[in-house]
Amino acid sequence: MIRVFVLAILMVLSPLAQAERVFEGEKVVEIFQSQDFDANLAKAEQGDVRAQYLVGAAYLYGLEAQEVEVDHEQGRYWLEKAADQGAAEAYSELARIYHRGMGV
C-alpha cells in the first residue's frame, strides 16, 4: 500500500521536477504587455513554449492595447500547452486558475 502511495506521489510530482523557467531573469510583465499578440499566437500554434505562455496569459487577463478579450478557457488551453513543455511559469498560472476557478 505504501509503495502505491509513493508511486502515485512521484507520478504527480514528476512533471514539476522537469519544469524550467522560460523567462529566467527577464521582466515577464513588460514582455507580456509589449508583446505582439498575433505574432505570438502564430508561434504558439507552431509549438513555441514562450509564445504559448504569453498567449495564455493574454487570454487569461486580457490585453487591452491589442484588443484581446478575456477568455479563461483559451487562457487555460494555452497555459496547459506551455506546461506540457515544462514551462514553470505556466504551472504557476495554472495553479492560480484552478485555485480561483477561472475557466474550469
PDB file of N, CA and C in Angstrom:
ATOM      1  N   MET A   1       0.833  -1.197   0.000  1.00  0.00           N
ATOM      2  CA  MET A   1       0.000   0.000   0.000  1.00  0.00           C
ATOM      3  C   MET A   1       0.871   1.253   0.000  1.00  0.00           C
ATOM      4  N   ILE A   2       1.904   1.247   0.800  1.00  0.00           N
ATOM      5  CA  ILE A   2       2.796   2.408   0.872  1.00  0.00           C
ATOM      6  C   ILE A   2       3.502   2.606  -0.461  1.00  0.00           C
ATOM      7  N   ARG A   3       3.900   1.514  -1.098  1.00  0.00           N
ATOM      8  CA  ARG A   3       4.564   1.624  -2.394  1.00  0.00           C
ATOM      9  C   ARG A   3       3.654   2.284  -3.425  1.00  0.00           C
ATOM     10  N   VAL A   4       2.395   1.919  -3.423  1.00  0.00           N
ATOM     11  CA  VAL A   4       1.434   2.503  -4.361  1.00  0.00           C
ATOM     12  C   VAL A   4       1.293   3.994  -4.090  1.00  0.00           C
ATOM     13  N   PHE A   5       1.208   4.373  -2.831  1.00  0.00           N
ATOM     14  CA  PHE A   5       1.084   5.778  -2.447  1.00  0.00           C
ATOM     15  C   PHE A   5       2.313   6.573  -2.890  1.00  0.00           C
ATOM     16  N   VAL A   6       3.494   6.050  -2.641  1.00  0.00           N
ATOM     17  CA  VAL A   6       4.737   6.723  -3.037  1.00  0.00           C
ATOM     18  C   VAL A   6       4.816   6.835  -4.553  1.00  0.00           C
ATOM     19  N   LEU A   7       4.454   5.784  -5.254  1.00  0.00           N
ATOM     20  CA  LEU A   7       4.461   5.818  -6.712  1.00  0.00           C
ATOM     21  C   LEU A   7       3.493   6.868  -7.244  1.00  0.00           C
ATOM     22  N   ALA A   8       2.316   6.960  -6.645  1.00  0.00           N
ATOM     23  CA  ALA A   8       1.334   7.963  -7.069  1.00  0.00           C
ATOM     24  C   ALA A   8       1.866   9.373  -6.864  1.00  0.00           C
ATOM     25  N   ILE A   9       2.491   9.622  -5.744  1.00  0.00           N
ATOM     26  CA  ILE A   9       3.063  10.948  -5.471  1.00  0.00           C
ATOM     27  C   ILE A   9       4.170  11.264  -6.465  1.00  0.00           C
ATOM     28  N   LEU A  10       5.026  10.317  -6.752  1.00  0.00           N
ATOM     29  CA  LEU A  10       6.104  10.549  -7.724  1.00  0.00           C
ATOM     30  C   LEU A  10       5.557  10.836  -9.115  1.00  0.00           C
ATOM     31  N   MET A  11       4.490  10.175  -9.490  1.00  0.00           N
ATOM     32  CA  MET A  11       3.900  10.421 -10.807  1.00  0.00           C
ATOM     33  C   MET A  11       3.299  11.823 -10.893  1.00  0.00           C
ATOM     34  N   VAL A  12       2.730  12.288  -9.803  1.00  0.00           N
ATOM     35  CA  VAL A  12       2.148  13.630  -9.791  1.00  0.00           C
ATOM     36  C   VAL A  12       3.235  14.689  -9.816  1.00  0.00           C
ATOM     37  N   LEU A  13       4.312  14.469  -9.107  1.00  0.00           N
ATOM     38  CA  LEU A  13       5.371  15.471  -8.998  1.00  0.00           C
ATOM     39  C   LEU A  13       6.391  15.430 -10.120  1.00  0.00           C
ATOM     40  N   SER A  14       6.442  14.372 -10.910  1.00  0.00           N
ATOM     41  CA  SER A  14       7.480  14.267 -11.940  1.00  0.00           C
ATOM     42  C   SER A  14       7.448  15.395 -12.961  1.00  0.00           C
ATOM     43  N   PRO A  15       6.287  15.869 -13.429  1.00  0.00           N
ATOM     44  CA  PRO A  15       6.328  16.998 -14.368  1.00  0.00           C
ATOM     45  C   PRO A  15       6.912  18.249 -13.726  1.00  0.00           C
ATOM     46  N   LEU A  16       6.628  18.457 -12.448  1.00  0.00           N
ATOM     47  CA  LEU A  16       7.162  19.634 -11.770  1.00  0.00           C
ATOM     48  C   LEU A  16       8.672  19.562 -11.623  1.00  0.00           C
ATOM     49  N   ALA A  17       9.196  18.365 -11.444  1.00  0.00           N
ATOM     50  CA  ALA A  17      10.637  18.205 -11.309  1.00  0.00           C
ATOM     51  C   ALA A  17      11.356  18.549 -12.608  1.00  0.00           C
ATOM     52  N   GLN A  18      10.663  18.413 -13.722  1.00  0.00           N
ATOM     53  CA  GLN A  18      11.260  18.691 -15.019  1.00  0.00           C
ATOM     54  C   GLN A  18      10.980  20.114 -15.494  1.00  0.00           C
ATOM     55  N   ALA A  19      10.197  20.857 -14.726  1.00  0.00           N
ATOM     56  CA  ALA A  19       9.822  22.211 -15.136  1.00  0.00           C
ATOM     57  C   ALA A  19      11.037  23.138 -15.102  1.00  0.00           C
ATOM     58  N   GLU A  20      11.082  24.025 -16.077  1.00  0.00           N
ATOM     59  CA  GLU A  20      12.145  25.025 -16.157  1.00  0.00           C
ATOM     60  C   GLU A  20      11.531  26.379 -16.430  1.00  0.00           C
ATOM     61  N   ARG A  21      12.156  27.400 -15.895  1.00  0.00           N
ATOM     62  CA  ARG A  21      11.684  28.760 -16.141  1.00  0.00           C
ATOM     63  C   ARG A  21      12.065  29.144 -17.570  1.00  0.00           C
ATOM     64  N   VAL A  22      11.089  29.611 -18.332  1.00  0.00           N
ATOM     65  CA  VAL A  22      11.360  30.010 -19.714  1.00  0.00           C
ATOM     66  C   VAL A  22      11.624  31.510 -19.820  1.00  0.00           C
ATOM     67  N   PHE A  23      11.434  32.234 -18.727  1.00  0.00           N
ATOM     68  CA  PHE A  23      11.698  33.671 -18.690  1.00  0.00           C
ATOM     69  C   PHE A  23      12.707  33.983 -17.584  1.00  0.00           C
ATOM     70  N   GLU A  24      13.694  33.156 -17.440  1.00  0.00           N
ATOM     71  CA  GLU A  24      14.689  33.301 -16.376  1.00  0.00           C
ATOM     72  C   GLU A  24      15.375  34.655 -16.443  1.00  0.00           C
ATOM     73  N   GLY A  25      15.246  35.422 -15.374  1.00  0.00           N
ATOM     74  CA  GLY A  25      15.922  36.716 -15.276  1.00  0.00           C
ATOM     75  C   GLY A  25      15.312  37.812 -16.132  1.00  0.00           C
ATOM     76  N   GLU A  26      14.172  37.555 -16.753  1.00  0.00           N
ATOM     77  CA  GLU A  26      13.538  38.551 -17.612  1.00  0.00           C
ATOM     78  C   GLU A  26      12.338  39.168 -16.905  1.00  0.00           C
ATOM     79  N   LYS A  27      11.947  40.335 -17.347  1.00  0.00           N
ATOM     80  CA  LYS A  27      10.781  41.021 -16.784  1.00  0.00           C
ATOM     81  C   LYS A  27       9.549  40.581 -17.557  1.00  0.00           C
ATOM     82  N   VAL A  28       8.899  39.538 -17.054  1.00  0.00           N
ATOM     83  CA  VAL A  28       7.795  38.907 -17.759  1.00  0.00           C
ATOM     84  C   VAL A  28       6.632  39.879 -17.965  1.00  0.00           C
ATOM     85  N   VAL A  29       6.349  40.717 -16.982  1.00  0.00           N
ATOM     86  CA  VAL A  29       5.229  41.650 -17.104  1.00  0.00           C
ATOM     87  C   VAL A  29       5.461  42.598 -18.277  1.00  0.00           C
ATOM     88  N   GLU A  30       6.665  43.110 -18.414  1.00  0.00           N
ATOM     89  CA  GLU A  30       6.975  44.003 -19.535  1.00  0.00           C
ATOM     90  C   GLU A  30       6.893  43.261 -20.869  1.00  0.00           C
ATOM     91  N   ILE A  31       7.389  42.044 -20.906  1.00  0.00           N
ATOM     92  CA  ILE A  31       7.328  41.245 -22.128  1.00  0.00           C
ATOM     93  C   ILE A  31       5.867  40.982 -22.482  1.00  0.00           C
ATOM     94  N   PHE A  32       5.071  40.637 -21.468  1.00  0.00           N
ATOM     95  CA  PHE A  32       3.642  40.376 -21.668  1.00  0.00           C
ATOM     96  C   PHE A  32       2.934  41.602 -22.238  1.00  0.00           C
ATOM     97  N   GLN A  33       3.151  42.755 -21.635  1.00  0.00           N
ATOM     98  CA  GLN A  33       2.442  43.964 -22.038  1.00  0.00           C
ATOM     99  C   GLN A  33       2.865  44.479 -23.410  1.00  0.00           C
ATOM    100  N   SER A  34       4.108  44.230 -23.788  1.00  0.00           N
ATOM    101  CA  SER A  34       4.594  44.761 -25.066  1.00  0.00           C
ATOM    102  C   SER A  34       4.579  43.723 -26.188  1.00  0.00           C
ATOM    103  N   GLN A  35       4.008  42.571 -25.924  1.00  0.00           N
ATOM    104  CA  GLN A  35       4.023  41.502 -26.925  1.00  0.00           C
ATOM    105  C   GLN A  35       3.195  41.848 -28.159  1.00  0.00           C
ATOM    106  N   ASP A  36       3.558  41.227 -29.266  1.00  0.00           N
ATOM    107  CA  ASP A  36       2.769  41.265 -30.495  1.00  0.00           C
ATOM    108  C   ASP A  36       1.902  40.005 -30.450  1.00  0.00           C
ATOM    109  N   PHE A  37       0.657  40.165 -30.008  1.00  0.00           N
ATOM    110  CA  PHE A  37      -0.209  39.015 -29.766  1.00  0.00           C
ATOM    111  C   PHE A  37      -0.369  38.144 -31.005  1.00  0.00           C
ATOM    112  N   ASP A  38      -0.647  38.755 -32.149  1.00  0.00           N
ATOM    113  CA  ASP A  38      -0.868  37.964 -33.366  1.00  0.00           C
ATOM    114  C   ASP A  38       0.368  37.146 -33.740  1.00  0.00           C
ATOM    115  N   ALA A  39       1.537  37.745 -33.612  1.00  0.00           N
ATOM    116  CA  ALA A  39       2.777  37.020 -33.906  1.00  0.00           C
ATOM    117  C   ALA A  39       2.975  35.882 -32.903  1.00  0.00           C
ATOM    118  N   ASN A  40       2.686  36.155 -31.625  1.00  0.00           N
ATOM    119  CA  ASN A  40       2.833  35.108 -30.612  1.00  0.00           C
ATOM    120  C   ASN A  40       1.818  33.987 -30.805  1.00  0.00           C
ATOM    121  N   LEU A  41       0.615  34.329 -31.240  1.00  0.00           N
ATOM    122  CA  LEU A  41      -0.385  33.290 -31.492  1.00  0.00           C
ATOM    123  C   LEU A  41       0.098  32.356 -32.601  1.00  0.00           C
ATOM    124  N   ALA A  42       0.668  32.924 -33.643  1.00  0.00           N
ATOM    125  CA  ALA A  42       1.204  32.094 -34.735  1.00  0.00           C
ATOM    126  C   ALA A  42       2.340  31.207 -34.229  1.00  0.00           C
ATOM    127  N   LYS A  43       3.221  31.777 -33.411  1.00  0.00           N
ATOM    128  CA  LYS A  43       4.326  30.990 -32.838  1.00  0.00           C
ATOM    129  C   LYS A  43       3.794  29.910 -31.905  1.00  0.00           C
ATOM    130  N   ALA A  44       2.783  30.266 -31.097  1.00  0.00           N
ATOM    131  CA  ALA A  44       2.201  29.303 -30.154  1.00  0.00           C
ATOM    132  C   ALA A  44       1.623  28.110 -30.894  1.00  0.00           C
ATOM    133  N   GLU A  45       0.964  28.376 -32.006  1.00  0.00           N
ATOM    134  CA  GLU A  45       0.381  27.295 -32.809  1.00  0.00           C
ATOM    135  C   GLU A  45       1.458  26.388 -33.393  1.00  0.00           C
ATOM    136  N   GLN A  46       2.674  26.916 -33.542  1.00  0.00           N
ATOM    137  CA  GLN A  46       3.805  26.124 -34.043  1.00  0.00           C
ATOM    138  C   GLN A  46       4.555  25.411 -32.919  1.00  0.00           C
ATOM    139  N   GLY A  47       4.133  25.649 -31.655  1.00  0.00           N
ATOM    140  CA  GLY A  47       4.741  24.941 -30.527  1.00  0.00           C
ATOM    141  C   GLY A  47       5.734  25.731 -29.704  1.00  0.00           C
ATOM    142  N   ASP A  48       5.887  27.018 -29.953  1.00  0.00           N
ATOM    143  CA  ASP A  48       6.833  27.842 -29.189  1.00  0.00           C
ATOM    144  C   ASP A  48       6.318  28.008 -27.761  1.00  0.00           C
ATOM    145  N   VAL A  49       7.066  27.494 -26.790  1.00  0.00           N
ATOM    146  CA  VAL A  49       6.619  27.472 -25.396  1.00  0.00           C
ATOM    147  C   VAL A  49       6.461  28.878 -24.807  1.00  0.00           C
ATOM    148  N   ARG A  50       7.390  29.780 -25.122  1.00  0.00           N
ATOM    149  CA  ARG A  50       7.276  31.150 -24.609  1.00  0.00           C
ATOM    150  C   ARG A  50       6.023  31.830 -25.167  1.00  0.00           C
ATOM    151  N   ALA A  51       5.779  31.641 -26.434  1.00  0.00           N
ATOM    152  CA  ALA A  51       4.598  32.227 -27.064  1.00  0.00           C
ATOM    153  C   ALA A  51       3.322  31.614 -26.489  1.00  0.00           C
ATOM    154  N   GLN A  52       3.339  30.319 -26.237  1.00  0.00           N
ATOM    155  CA  GLN A  52       2.164  29.680 -25.643  1.00  0.00           C
ATOM    156  C   GLN A  52       1.848  30.287 -24.278  1.00  0.00           C
ATOM    157  N   TYR A  53       2.872  30.506 -23.489  1.00  0.00           N
ATOM    158  CA  TYR A  53       2.656  31.130 -22.178  1.00  0.00           C
ATOM    159  C   TYR A  53       2.090  32.540 -22.345  1.00  0.00           C
ATOM    160  N   LEU A  54       2.696  33.339 -23.210  1.00  0.00           N
ATOM    161  CA  LEU A  54       2.252  34.726 -23.395  1.00  0.00           C
ATOM    162  C   LEU A  54       0.832  34.802 -23.943  1.00  0.00           C
ATOM    163  N   VAL A  55       0.491  33.940 -24.881  1.00  0.00           N
ATOM    164  CA  VAL A  55      -0.865  33.906 -25.420  1.00  0.00           C
ATOM    165  C   VAL A  55      -1.848  33.479 -24.334  1.00  0.00           C
ATOM    166  N   GLY A  56      -1.471  32.463 -23.562  1.00  0.00           N
ATOM    167  CA  GLY A  56      -2.335  32.019 -22.469  1.00  0.00           C
ATOM    168  C   GLY A  56      -2.578  33.120 -21.459  1.00  0.00           C
ATOM    169  N   ALA A  57      -1.526  33.831 -21.094  1.00  0.00           N
ATOM    170  CA  ALA A  57      -1.663  34.933 -20.142  1.00  0.00           C
ATOM    171  C   ALA A  57      -2.500  36.064 -20.726  1.00  0.00           C
ATOM    172  N   ALA A  58      -2.342  36.320 -22.018  1.00  0.00           N
ATOM    173  CA  ALA A  58      -3.130  37.374 -22.666  1.00  0.00           C
ATOM    174  C   ALA A  58      -4.617  37.037 -22.616  1.00  0.00           C
ATOM    175  N   TYR A  59      -4.955  35.798 -22.898  1.00  0.00           N
ATOM    176  CA  TYR A  59      -6.355  35.388 -22.811  1.00  0.00           C
ATOM    177  C   TYR A  59      -6.839  35.378 -21.356  1.00  0.00           C
ATOM    178  N   LEU A  60      -5.989  34.991 -20.469  1.00  0.00           N
ATOM    179  CA  LEU A  60      -6.379  34.889 -19.065  1.00  0.00           C
ATOM    180  C   LEU A  60      -6.699  36.250 -18.457  1.00  0.00           C
ATOM    181  N   TYR A  61      -5.872  37.233 -18.751  1.00  0.00           N
ATOM    182  CA  TYR A  61      -6.026  38.553 -18.139  1.00  0.00           C
ATOM    183  C   TYR A  61      -6.522  39.626 -19.105  1.00  0.00           C
ATOM    184  N   GLY A  62      -6.529  39.321 -20.399  1.00  0.00           N
ATOM    185  CA  GLY A  62      -6.873  40.317 -21.404  1.00  0.00           C
ATOM    186  C   GLY A  62      -5.653  41.158 -21.733  1.00  0.00           C
ATOM    187  N   LEU A  63      -5.647  41.707 -22.919  1.00  0.00           N
ATOM    188  CA  LEU A  63      -4.549  42.554 -23.372  1.00  0.00           C
ATOM    189  C   LEU A  63      -5.194  43.713 -24.119  1.00  0.00           C
ATOM    190  N   GLU A  64      -5.588  44.708 -23.356  1.00  0.00           N
ATOM    191  CA  GLU A  64      -6.401  45.803 -23.871  1.00  0.00           C
ATOM    192  C   GLU A  64      -5.770  46.506 -25.063  1.00  0.00           C
ATOM    193  N   ALA A  65      -4.465  46.763 -25.011  1.00  0.00           N
ATOM    194  CA  ALA A  65      -3.799  47.505 -26.074  1.00  0.00           C
ATOM    195  C   ALA A  65      -3.936  46.800 -27.429  1.00  0.00           C
ATOM    196  N   GLN A  66      -4.095  45.478 -27.395  1.00  0.00           N
ATOM    197  CA  GLN A  66      -4.206  44.725 -28.649  1.00  0.00           C
ATOM    198  C   GLN A  66      -5.589  44.097 -28.806  1.00  0.00           C
ATOM    199  N   GLU A  67      -6.526  44.578 -28.018  1.00  0.00           N
ATOM    200  CA  GLU A  67      -7.919  44.156 -28.093  1.00  0.00           C
ATOM    201  C   GLU A  67      -8.111  42.656 -27.934  1.00  0.00           C
ATOM    202  N   VAL A  68      -7.361  42.071 -27.002  1.00  0.00           N
ATOM    203  CA  VAL A  68      -7.533  40.660 -26.684  1.00  0.00           C
ATOM    204  C   VAL A  68      -8.469  40.591 -25.485  1.00  0.00           C
ATOM    205  N   GLU A  69      -9.637  40.005 -25.710  1.00  0.00           N
ATOM    206  CA  GLU A  69     -10.643  39.875 -24.660  1.00  0.00           C
ATOM    207  C   GLU A  69     -10.281  38.724 -23.722  1.00  0.00           C
ATOM    208  N   VAL A  70     -10.716  38.841 -22.489  1.00  0.00           N
ATOM    209  CA  VAL A  70     -10.521  37.768 -21.515  1.00  0.00           C
ATOM    210  C   VAL A  70     -11.311  36.548 -21.966  1.00  0.00           C
ATOM    211  N   ASP A  71     -10.625  35.418 -22.010  1.00  0.00           N
ATOM    212  CA  ASP A  71     -11.240  34.135 -22.340  1.00  0.00           C
ATOM    213  C   ASP A  71     -10.503  33.086 -21.507  1.00  0.00           C
ATOM    214  N   HIS A  72     -11.057  32.785 -20.337  1.00  0.00           N
ATOM    215  CA  HIS A  72     -10.378  31.890 -19.401  1.00  0.00           C
ATOM    216  C   HIS A  72     -10.127  30.502 -19.977  1.00  0.00           C
ATOM    217  N   GLU A  73     -11.051  30.010 -20.776  1.00  0.00           N
ATOM    218  CA  GLU A  73     -10.865  28.677 -21.355  1.00  0.00           C
ATOM    219  C   GLU A  73      -9.682  28.659 -22.320  1.00  0.00           C
ATOM    220  N   GLN A  74      -9.584  29.683 -23.181  1.00  0.00           N
ATOM    221  CA  GLN A  74      -8.435  29.766 -24.099  1.00  0.00           C
ATOM    222  C   GLN A  74      -7.143  29.985 -23.317  1.00  0.00           C
ATOM    223  N   GLY A  75      -7.213  30.798 -22.275  1.00  0.00           N
ATOM    224  CA  GLY A  75      -6.032  31.016 -21.440  1.00  0.00           C
ATOM    225  C   GLY A  75      -5.531  29.719 -20.839  1.00  0.00           C
ATOM    226  N   ARG A  76      -6.455  28.943 -20.274  1.00  0.00           N
ATOM    227  CA  ARG A  76      -6.081  27.652 -19.691  1.00  0.00           C
ATOM    228  C   ARG A  76      -5.514  26.722 -20.759  1.00  0.00           C
ATOM    229  N   TYR A  77      -6.146  26.705 -21.932  1.00  0.00           N
ATOM    230  CA  TYR A  77      -5.681  25.832 -23.024  1.00  0.00           C
ATOM    231  C   TYR A  77      -4.214  26.106 -23.353  1.00  0.00           C
ATOM    232  N   TRP A  78      -3.872  27.379 -23.575  1.00  0.00           N
ATOM    233  CA  TRP A  78      -2.505  27.708 -23.981  1.00  0.00           C
ATOM    234  C   TRP A  78      -1.522  27.536 -22.830  1.00  0.00           C
ATOM    235  N   LEU A  79      -1.944  27.802 -21.614  1.00  0.00           N
ATOM    236  CA  LEU A  79      -1.055  27.586 -20.475  1.00  0.00           C
ATOM    237  C   LEU A  79      -0.792  26.098 -20.263  1.00  0.00           C
ATOM    238  N   GLU A  80      -1.796  25.267 -20.498  1.00  0.00           N
ATOM    239  CA  GLU A  80      -1.577  23.826 -20.406  1.00  0.00           C
ATOM    240  C   GLU A  80      -0.588  23.355 -21.464  1.00  0.00           C
ATOM    241  N   LYS A  81      -0.670  23.929 -22.662  1.00  0.00           N
ATOM    242  CA  LYS A  81       0.292  23.594 -23.721  1.00  0.00           C
ATOM    243  C   LYS A  81       1.715  23.947 -23.280  1.00  0.00           C
ATOM    244  N   ALA A  82       1.872  25.135 -22.690  1.00  0.00           N
ATOM    245  CA  ALA A  82       3.198  25.561 -22.214  1.00  0.00           C
ATOM    246  C   ALA A  82       3.671  24.677 -21.064  1.00  0.00           C
ATOM    247  N   ALA A  83       2.754  24.334 -20.161  1.00  0.00           N
ATOM    248  CA  ALA A  83       3.118  23.466 -19.033  1.00  0.00           C
ATOM    249  C   ALA A  83       3.531  22.083 -19.522  1.00  0.00           C
ATOM    250  N   ASP A  84       2.856  21.588 -20.552  1.00  0.00           N
ATOM    251  CA  ASP A  84       3.212  20.280 -21.115  1.00  0.00           C
ATOM    252  C   ASP A  84       4.648  20.264 -21.626  1.00  0.00           C
ATOM    253  N   GLN A  85       5.161  21.441 -21.968  1.00  0.00           N
ATOM    254  CA  GLN A  85       6.554  21.536 -22.436  1.00  0.00           C
ATOM    255  C   GLN A  85       7.504  21.891 -21.293  1.00  0.00           C
ATOM    256  N   GLY A  86       6.973  21.976 -20.062  1.00  0.00           N
ATOM    257  CA  GLY A  86       7.829  22.180 -18.897  1.00  0.00           C
ATOM    258  C   GLY A  86       8.003  23.613 -18.451  1.00  0.00           C
ATOM    259  N   ALA A  87       7.158  24.537 -18.895  1.00  0.00           N
ATOM    260  CA  ALA A  87       7.282  25.945 -18.501  1.00  0.00           C
ATOM    261  C   ALA A  87       6.797  26.132 -17.062  1.00  0.00           C
ATOM    262  N   ALA A  88       7.731  26.403 -16.164  1.00  0.00           N
ATOM    263  CA  ALA A  88       7.396  26.570 -14.751  1.00  0.00           C
ATOM    264  C   ALA A  88       6.398  27.704 -14.540  1.00  0.00           C
ATOM    265  N   GLU A  89       6.524  28.772 -15.297  1.00  0.00           N
ATOM    266  CA  GLU A  89       5.613  29.909 -15.165  1.00  0.00           C
ATOM    267  C   GLU A  89       4.174  29.484 -15.480  1.00  0.00           C
ATOM    268  N   ALA A  90       4.022  28.592 -16.440  1.00  0.00           N
ATOM    269  CA  ALA A  90       2.691  28.108 -16.811  1.00  0.00           C
ATOM    270  C   ALA A  90       2.082  27.301 -15.674  1.00  0.00           C
ATOM    271  N   TYR A  91       2.900  26.507 -14.992  1.00  0.00           N
ATOM    272  CA  TYR A  91       2.392  25.761 -13.838  1.00  0.00           C
ATOM    273  C   TYR A  91       1.871  26.713 -12.770  1.00  0.00           C
ATOM    274  N   SER A  92       2.577  27.804 -12.544  1.00  0.00           N
ATOM    275  CA  SER A  92       2.141  28.783 -11.540  1.00  0.00           C
ATOM    276  C   SER A  92       0.805  29.402 -11.923  1.00  0.00           C
ATOM    277  N   GLU A  93       0.663  29.781 -13.182  1.00  0.00           N
ATOM    278  CA  GLU A  93      -0.596  30.370 -13.646  1.00  0.00           C
ATOM    279  C   GLU A  93      -1.730  29.353 -13.566  1.00  0.00           C
ATOM    280  N   LEU A  94      -1.459  28.110 -13.928  1.00  0.00           N
ATOM    281  CA  LEU A  94      -2.495  27.086 -13.853  1.00  0.00           C
ATOM    282  C   LEU A  94      -2.943  26.869 -12.410  1.00  0.00           C
ATOM    283  N   ALA A  95      -2.014  26.940 -11.481  1.00  0.00           N
ATOM    284  CA  ALA A  95      -2.393  26.817 -10.067  1.00  0.00           C
ATOM    285  C   ALA A  95      -3.348  27.941  -9.681  1.00  0.00           C
ATOM    286  N   ARG A  96      -3.070  29.173 -10.135  1.00  0.00           N
ATOM    287  CA  ARG A  96      -3.969  30.300  -9.849  1.00  0.00           C
ATOM    288  C   ARG A  96      -5.348  30.074 -10.479  1.00  0.00           C
ATOM    289  N   ILE A  97      -5.348  29.586 -11.712  1.00  0.00           N
ATOM    290  CA  ILE A  97      -6.604  29.342 -12.415  1.00  0.00           C
ATOM    291  C   ILE A  97      -7.467  28.359 -11.624  1.00  0.00           C
ATOM    292  N   TYR A  98      -6.870  27.249 -11.234  1.00  0.00           N
ATOM    293  CA  TYR A  98      -7.636  26.233 -10.526  1.00  0.00           C
ATOM    294  C   TYR A  98      -8.028  26.707  -9.133  1.00  0.00           C
ATOM    295  N   HIS A  99      -7.160  27.441  -8.495  1.00  0.00           N
ATOM    296  CA  HIS A  99      -7.478  27.966  -7.155  1.00  0.00           C
ATOM    297  C   HIS A  99      -8.646  28.930  -7.217  1.00  0.00           C
ATOM    298  N   ARG A 100      -8.689  29.759  -8.230  1.00  0.00           N
ATOM    299  CA  ARG A 100      -9.752  30.772  -8.369  1.00  0.00           C
ATOM    300  C   ARG A 100     -10.950  30.291  -9.176  1.00  0.00           C
ATOM    301  N   GLY A 101     -10.847  29.102  -9.763  1.00  0.00           N
ATOM    302  CA  GLY A 101     -11.954  28.567 -10.551  1.00  0.00           C
ATOM    303  C   GLY A 101     -12.165  29.296 -11.861  1.00  0.00           C
ATOM    304  N   MET A 102     -11.087  29.781 -12.462  1.00  0.00           N
ATOM    305  CA  MET A 102     -11.174  30.543 -13.708  1.00  0.00           C
ATOM    306  C   MET A 102     -11.121  29.603 -14.898  1.00  0.00           C
ATOM    307  N   GLY A 103     -12.209  29.488 -15.635  1.00  0.00           N
ATOM    308  CA  GLY A 103     -12.209  28.691 -16.858  1.00  0.00           C
ATOM    309  C   GLY A 103     -12.168  27.198 -16.636  1.00  0.00           C
ATOM    310  N   VAL A 104     -12.505  26.779 -15.430  1.00  0.00           N
ATOM    311  CA  VAL A 104     -12.520  25.340 -15.136  1.00  0.00           C
ATOM    312  C   VAL A 104     -13.898  24.926 -14.653  1.00  0.00           C
TER     313      VAL A 104
END
